Amino acid sequence: MNKAEIIEIIAEKANVTKVQANAVVNSFVKTISESLKDGGKVTLVGFGVFSVTTRSSRNSRNPRTGEAIKIDEKKVAKFKAEKELSDSINSNNRTIRKAINKV
C-alpha cells in the first residue's frame, strides 16, 4: 500500500475529501518526523513506538573496488510494533497452528 492508497482509504472511512485526508496524513508524518528529529519518541498505543537510535561508525569495503572505507555514525529511525499489532497480523497463523495441533 502506498501513500495515495492510504489517503483514499482514510477519505472513504472518515467521510472526508481526499484533499482533507491528504492534509491529515501529511500533518501526521510531519509531526512524527519533527518529534524524532528533536530526539523524542512517538508512542501510538495498540500500534507501536517510533524512536531514534544511533548506528555506530564502522569499517567496511567498497564492493566494486575492495577498498576499505569508514562509514560514519548516524541516527536512524526505528519502529517497534506493539503486541496488539503483532497479534492482529499473526492471528491467522495462530488459528492455523491450533487447527494443525488438534489433528
N, C-alpha and C. Protein backbone atom coordinates (compact mmCIF):
# COMPACT_ATOMS: atom_id res chain seq x y z
N MET A 1 0.85 -1.17 0.00
CA MET A 1 0.00 0.00 0.00
C MET A 1 0.89 1.24 0.00
N ASN A 2 0.54 2.21 -0.81
CA ASN A 2 1.33 3.43 -0.86
C ASN A 2 0.54 4.59 -0.26
N LYS A 3 1.17 5.76 -0.23
CA LYS A 3 0.56 6.93 0.39
C LYS A 3 -0.78 7.30 -0.25
N ALA A 4 -0.85 7.27 -1.57
CA ALA A 4 -2.10 7.62 -2.27
C ALA A 4 -3.22 6.66 -1.88
N GLU A 5 -2.92 5.39 -1.75
CA GLU A 5 -3.94 4.41 -1.36
C GLU A 5 -4.39 4.65 0.09
N ILE A 6 -3.44 4.99 0.96
CA ILE A 6 -3.79 5.28 2.35
C ILE A 6 -4.72 6.48 2.40
N ILE A 7 -4.39 7.53 1.66
CA ILE A 7 -5.22 8.74 1.63
C ILE A 7 -6.62 8.42 1.14
N GLU A 8 -6.72 7.61 0.10
CA GLU A 8 -8.02 7.23 -0.45
C GLU A 8 -8.86 6.48 0.57
N ILE A 9 -8.24 5.55 1.28
CA ILE A 9 -8.96 4.75 2.29
C ILE A 9 -9.39 5.62 3.46
N ILE A 10 -8.50 6.50 3.92
CA ILE A 10 -8.85 7.40 5.03
C ILE A 10 -10.01 8.31 4.63
N ALA A 11 -9.95 8.86 3.42
CA ALA A 11 -11.02 9.73 2.95
C ALA A 11 -12.35 9.00 2.95
N GLU A 12 -12.33 7.76 2.50
CA GLU A 12 -13.56 6.97 2.44
C GLU A 12 -14.08 6.63 3.84
N LYS A 13 -13.20 6.15 4.71
CA LYS A 13 -13.63 5.72 6.05
C LYS A 13 -14.01 6.89 6.95
N ALA A 14 -13.34 8.03 6.79
CA ALA A 14 -13.63 9.19 7.63
C ALA A 14 -14.68 10.09 7.02
N ASN A 15 -15.12 9.74 5.82
CA ASN A 15 -16.13 10.52 5.10
C ASN A 15 -15.68 11.98 4.92
N VAL A 16 -14.43 12.13 4.45
CA VAL A 16 -13.87 13.45 4.14
C VAL A 16 -13.33 13.41 2.72
N THR A 17 -12.96 14.57 2.20
CA THR A 17 -12.42 14.62 0.84
C THR A 17 -10.98 14.09 0.85
N LYS A 18 -10.50 13.75 -0.33
CA LYS A 18 -9.11 13.30 -0.45
C LYS A 18 -8.13 14.42 -0.11
N VAL A 19 -8.51 15.65 -0.40
CA VAL A 19 -7.66 16.80 -0.07
C VAL A 19 -7.52 16.91 1.45
N GLN A 20 -8.61 16.75 2.17
CA GLN A 20 -8.57 16.80 3.63
C GLN A 20 -7.78 15.62 4.20
N ALA A 21 -8.00 14.43 3.66
CA ALA A 21 -7.26 13.25 4.11
C ALA A 21 -5.77 13.41 3.84
N ASN A 22 -5.42 13.98 2.69
CA ASN A 22 -4.02 14.23 2.36
C ASN A 22 -3.38 15.18 3.37
N ALA A 23 -4.12 16.22 3.77
CA ALA A 23 -3.61 17.18 4.75
C ALA A 23 -3.37 16.49 6.10
N VAL A 24 -4.27 15.60 6.47
CA VAL A 24 -4.13 14.88 7.74
C VAL A 24 -2.91 13.96 7.70
N VAL A 25 -2.78 13.20 6.63
CA VAL A 25 -1.64 12.28 6.51
C VAL A 25 -0.32 13.05 6.50
N ASN A 26 -0.26 14.13 5.74
CA ASN A 26 0.97 14.93 5.71
C ASN A 26 1.29 15.52 7.08
N SER A 27 0.28 16.00 7.79
CA SER A 27 0.48 16.55 9.13
C SER A 27 0.96 15.48 10.10
N PHE A 28 0.38 14.30 9.98
CA PHE A 28 0.77 13.18 10.84
C PHE A 28 2.25 12.82 10.63
N VAL A 29 2.64 12.67 9.39
CA VAL A 29 4.03 12.32 9.06
C VAL A 29 4.99 13.43 9.51
N LYS A 30 4.62 14.68 9.27
CA LYS A 30 5.46 15.81 9.65
C LYS A 30 5.62 15.89 11.17
N THR A 31 4.55 15.66 11.91
CA THR A 31 4.60 15.71 13.37
C THR A 31 5.51 14.62 13.92
N ILE A 32 5.39 13.41 13.40
CA ILE A 32 6.26 12.31 13.85
C ILE A 32 7.71 12.63 13.50
N SER A 33 7.96 13.10 12.29
CA SER A 33 9.32 13.43 11.85
C SER A 33 9.95 14.49 12.74
N GLU A 34 9.20 15.54 13.04
CA GLU A 34 9.72 16.61 13.89
C GLU A 34 10.03 16.12 15.29
N SER A 35 9.18 15.28 15.83
CA SER A 35 9.41 14.74 17.17
C SER A 35 10.67 13.88 17.20
N LEU A 36 10.84 13.04 16.19
CA LEU A 36 12.04 12.19 16.12
C LEU A 36 13.29 13.04 15.91
N LYS A 37 13.19 14.07 15.10
CA LYS A 37 14.32 14.95 14.85
C LYS A 37 14.78 15.64 16.13
N ASP A 38 13.82 15.96 17.00
CA ASP A 38 14.14 16.60 18.29
C ASP A 38 14.59 15.59 19.34
N GLY A 39 14.72 14.33 18.96
CA GLY A 39 15.19 13.30 19.87
C GLY A 39 14.09 12.63 20.67
N GLY A 40 12.85 12.94 20.35
CA GLY A 40 11.72 12.38 21.07
C GLY A 40 11.35 10.99 20.59
N LYS A 41 10.30 10.49 21.18
CA LYS A 41 9.79 9.17 20.85
C LYS A 41 8.29 9.32 20.70
N VAL A 42 7.69 8.62 19.74
CA VAL A 42 6.25 8.70 19.49
C VAL A 42 5.63 7.33 19.75
N THR A 43 4.70 7.30 20.70
CA THR A 43 4.03 6.05 21.05
C THR A 43 2.57 6.12 20.63
N LEU A 44 2.14 5.18 19.82
CA LEU A 44 0.74 5.05 19.43
C LEU A 44 0.23 3.75 20.06
N VAL A 45 -0.51 3.89 21.15
CA VAL A 45 -0.95 2.73 21.91
C VAL A 45 -1.73 1.78 21.01
N GLY A 46 -1.36 0.51 21.07
CA GLY A 46 -2.00 -0.51 20.25
C GLY A 46 -1.40 -0.65 18.87
N PHE A 47 -0.49 0.26 18.51
CA PHE A 47 0.13 0.22 17.18
C PHE A 47 1.64 0.01 17.30
N GLY A 48 2.34 0.97 17.91
CA GLY A 48 3.78 0.80 18.06
C GLY A 48 4.47 2.07 18.50
N VAL A 49 5.80 2.00 18.53
CA VAL A 49 6.62 3.11 19.00
C VAL A 49 7.65 3.47 17.94
N PHE A 50 7.69 4.74 17.57
CA PHE A 50 8.72 5.28 16.70
C PHE A 50 9.79 5.90 17.58
N SER A 51 11.06 5.62 17.32
CA SER A 51 12.14 6.20 18.09
C SER A 51 13.37 6.37 17.20
N VAL A 52 14.40 6.98 17.77
CA VAL A 52 15.64 7.21 17.04
C VAL A 52 16.76 6.51 17.80
N THR A 53 17.59 5.78 17.08
CA THR A 53 18.78 5.17 17.67
C THR A 53 19.99 5.63 16.87
N THR A 54 21.14 5.47 17.47
CA THR A 54 22.38 5.85 16.81
C THR A 54 23.10 4.60 16.34
N ARG A 55 23.39 4.55 15.06
CA ARG A 55 24.17 3.45 14.49
C ARG A 55 25.62 3.88 14.55
N SER A 56 26.45 3.11 15.25
CA SER A 56 27.84 3.50 15.43
C SER A 56 28.63 3.40 14.12
N SER A 57 29.75 4.13 14.10
CA SER A 57 30.59 4.09 12.90
C SER A 57 31.22 2.70 12.77
N ARG A 58 31.56 2.35 11.55
CA ARG A 58 32.13 1.02 11.32
C ARG A 58 32.98 1.04 10.06
N ASN A 59 33.82 0.06 9.94
CA ASN A 59 34.65 -0.10 8.75
C ASN A 59 33.99 -1.09 7.81
N SER A 60 34.11 -0.82 6.53
CA SER A 60 33.51 -1.70 5.53
C SER A 60 34.40 -1.71 4.30
N ARG A 61 33.93 -2.31 3.24
CA ARG A 61 34.68 -2.34 1.98
C ARG A 61 33.78 -1.92 0.83
N ASN A 62 34.36 -1.19 -0.10
CA ASN A 62 33.67 -0.84 -1.32
C ASN A 62 33.55 -2.12 -2.14
N PRO A 63 32.33 -2.60 -2.44
CA PRO A 63 32.19 -3.87 -3.15
C PRO A 63 32.76 -3.85 -4.57
N ARG A 64 32.83 -2.68 -5.16
CA ARG A 64 33.33 -2.57 -6.53
C ARG A 64 34.87 -2.63 -6.59
N THR A 65 35.52 -1.89 -5.66
CA THR A 65 36.98 -1.79 -5.71
C THR A 65 37.67 -2.60 -4.65
N GLY A 66 36.95 -2.98 -3.59
CA GLY A 66 37.57 -3.70 -2.50
C GLY A 66 38.29 -2.78 -1.52
N GLU A 67 38.26 -1.49 -1.78
CA GLU A 67 38.94 -0.51 -0.94
C GLU A 67 38.23 -0.39 0.41
N ALA A 68 39.01 -0.30 1.49
CA ALA A 68 38.45 -0.13 2.82
C ALA A 68 37.88 1.28 2.96
N ILE A 69 36.68 1.38 3.53
CA ILE A 69 36.06 2.68 3.75
C ILE A 69 35.51 2.72 5.17
N LYS A 70 35.36 3.94 5.69
CA LYS A 70 34.78 4.11 7.01
C LYS A 70 33.38 4.69 6.85
N ILE A 71 32.42 4.04 7.47
CA ILE A 71 31.04 4.52 7.46
C ILE A 71 30.82 5.27 8.76
N ASP A 72 30.45 6.54 8.65
CA ASP A 72 30.28 7.39 9.82
C ASP A 72 29.07 6.99 10.66
N GLU A 73 29.11 7.40 11.92
CA GLU A 73 27.98 7.21 12.82
C GLU A 73 26.80 8.03 12.31
N LYS A 74 25.58 7.48 12.47
CA LYS A 74 24.41 8.25 12.06
C LYS A 74 23.20 7.82 12.88
N LYS A 75 22.21 8.70 12.89
CA LYS A 75 20.96 8.41 13.58
C LYS A 75 20.00 7.76 12.59
N VAL A 76 19.26 6.77 13.06
CA VAL A 76 18.29 6.08 12.21
C VAL A 76 16.95 5.97 12.94
N ALA A 77 15.87 6.06 12.20
CA ALA A 77 14.53 5.89 12.76
C ALA A 77 14.27 4.41 12.96
N LYS A 78 13.54 4.11 14.01
CA LYS A 78 13.25 2.72 14.34
C LYS A 78 11.76 2.62 14.71
N PHE A 79 11.14 1.51 14.35
CA PHE A 79 9.75 1.27 14.71
C PHE A 79 9.65 -0.09 15.38
N LYS A 80 8.96 -0.12 16.53
CA LYS A 80 8.73 -1.39 17.22
C LYS A 80 7.22 -1.56 17.36
N ALA A 81 6.71 -2.60 16.74
CA ALA A 81 5.27 -2.87 16.79
C ALA A 81 4.87 -3.31 18.20
N GLU A 82 3.70 -2.86 18.64
CA GLU A 82 3.18 -3.29 19.93
C GLU A 82 2.49 -4.64 19.79
N LYS A 83 2.25 -5.26 20.91
CA LYS A 83 1.69 -6.61 20.94
C LYS A 83 0.36 -6.71 20.18
N GLU A 84 -0.50 -5.71 20.34
CA GLU A 84 -1.81 -5.75 19.66
C GLU A 84 -1.65 -5.82 18.14
N LEU A 85 -0.72 -5.02 17.60
CA LEU A 85 -0.49 -5.04 16.15
C LEU A 85 0.09 -6.38 15.72
N SER A 86 1.08 -6.86 16.46
CA SER A 86 1.68 -8.16 16.14
C SER A 86 0.64 -9.28 16.19
N ASP A 87 -0.21 -9.23 17.22
CA ASP A 87 -1.24 -10.26 17.34
C ASP A 87 -2.23 -10.20 16.17
N SER A 88 -2.60 -8.98 15.76
CA SER A 88 -3.56 -8.88 14.66
C SER A 88 -2.97 -9.38 13.35
N ILE A 89 -1.67 -9.16 13.17
CA ILE A 89 -1.00 -9.63 11.95
C ILE A 89 -0.88 -11.15 11.95
N ASN A 90 -0.62 -11.71 13.12
CA ASN A 90 -0.37 -13.14 13.23
C ASN A 90 -1.57 -13.95 13.65
N SER A 91 -2.75 -13.35 13.74
CA SER A 91 -3.92 -14.07 14.23
C SER A 91 -4.26 -15.27 13.35
N ASN A 92 -4.14 -15.14 12.04
CA ASN A 92 -4.42 -16.26 11.14
C ASN A 92 -3.43 -17.38 11.33
N ASN A 93 -2.16 -17.04 11.58
CA ASN A 93 -1.15 -18.07 11.79
C ASN A 93 -1.46 -18.88 13.04
N ARG A 94 -1.92 -18.22 14.10
CA ARG A 94 -2.25 -18.93 15.33
C ARG A 94 -3.44 -19.86 15.11
N THR A 95 -4.43 -19.39 14.38
CA THR A 95 -5.61 -20.21 14.09
C THR A 95 -5.20 -21.45 13.31
N ILE A 96 -4.32 -21.28 12.35
CA ILE A 96 -3.84 -22.41 11.55
C ILE A 96 -3.05 -23.38 12.44
N ARG A 97 -2.17 -22.82 13.29
CA ARG A 97 -1.38 -23.69 14.18
C ARG A 97 -2.27 -24.47 15.13
N LYS A 98 -3.30 -23.82 15.68
CA LYS A 98 -4.21 -24.51 16.59
C LYS A 98 -4.94 -25.64 15.86
N ALA A 99 -5.35 -25.38 14.63
CA ALA A 99 -6.05 -26.40 13.85
C ALA A 99 -5.13 -27.58 13.56
N ILE A 100 -3.87 -27.27 13.24
CA ILE A 100 -2.91 -28.34 12.94
C ILE A 100 -2.61 -29.15 14.19
N ASN A 101 -2.48 -28.47 15.33
CA ASN A 101 -2.19 -29.17 16.58
C ASN A 101 -3.32 -30.09 17.03
N LYS A 102 -4.57 -29.77 16.63
CA LYS A 102 -5.71 -30.60 17.02
C LYS A 102 -5.75 -31.90 16.22
N VAL A 103 -5.11 -31.90 15.05
CA VAL A 103 -5.16 -33.06 14.17
C VAL A 103 -4.24 -34.15 14.66
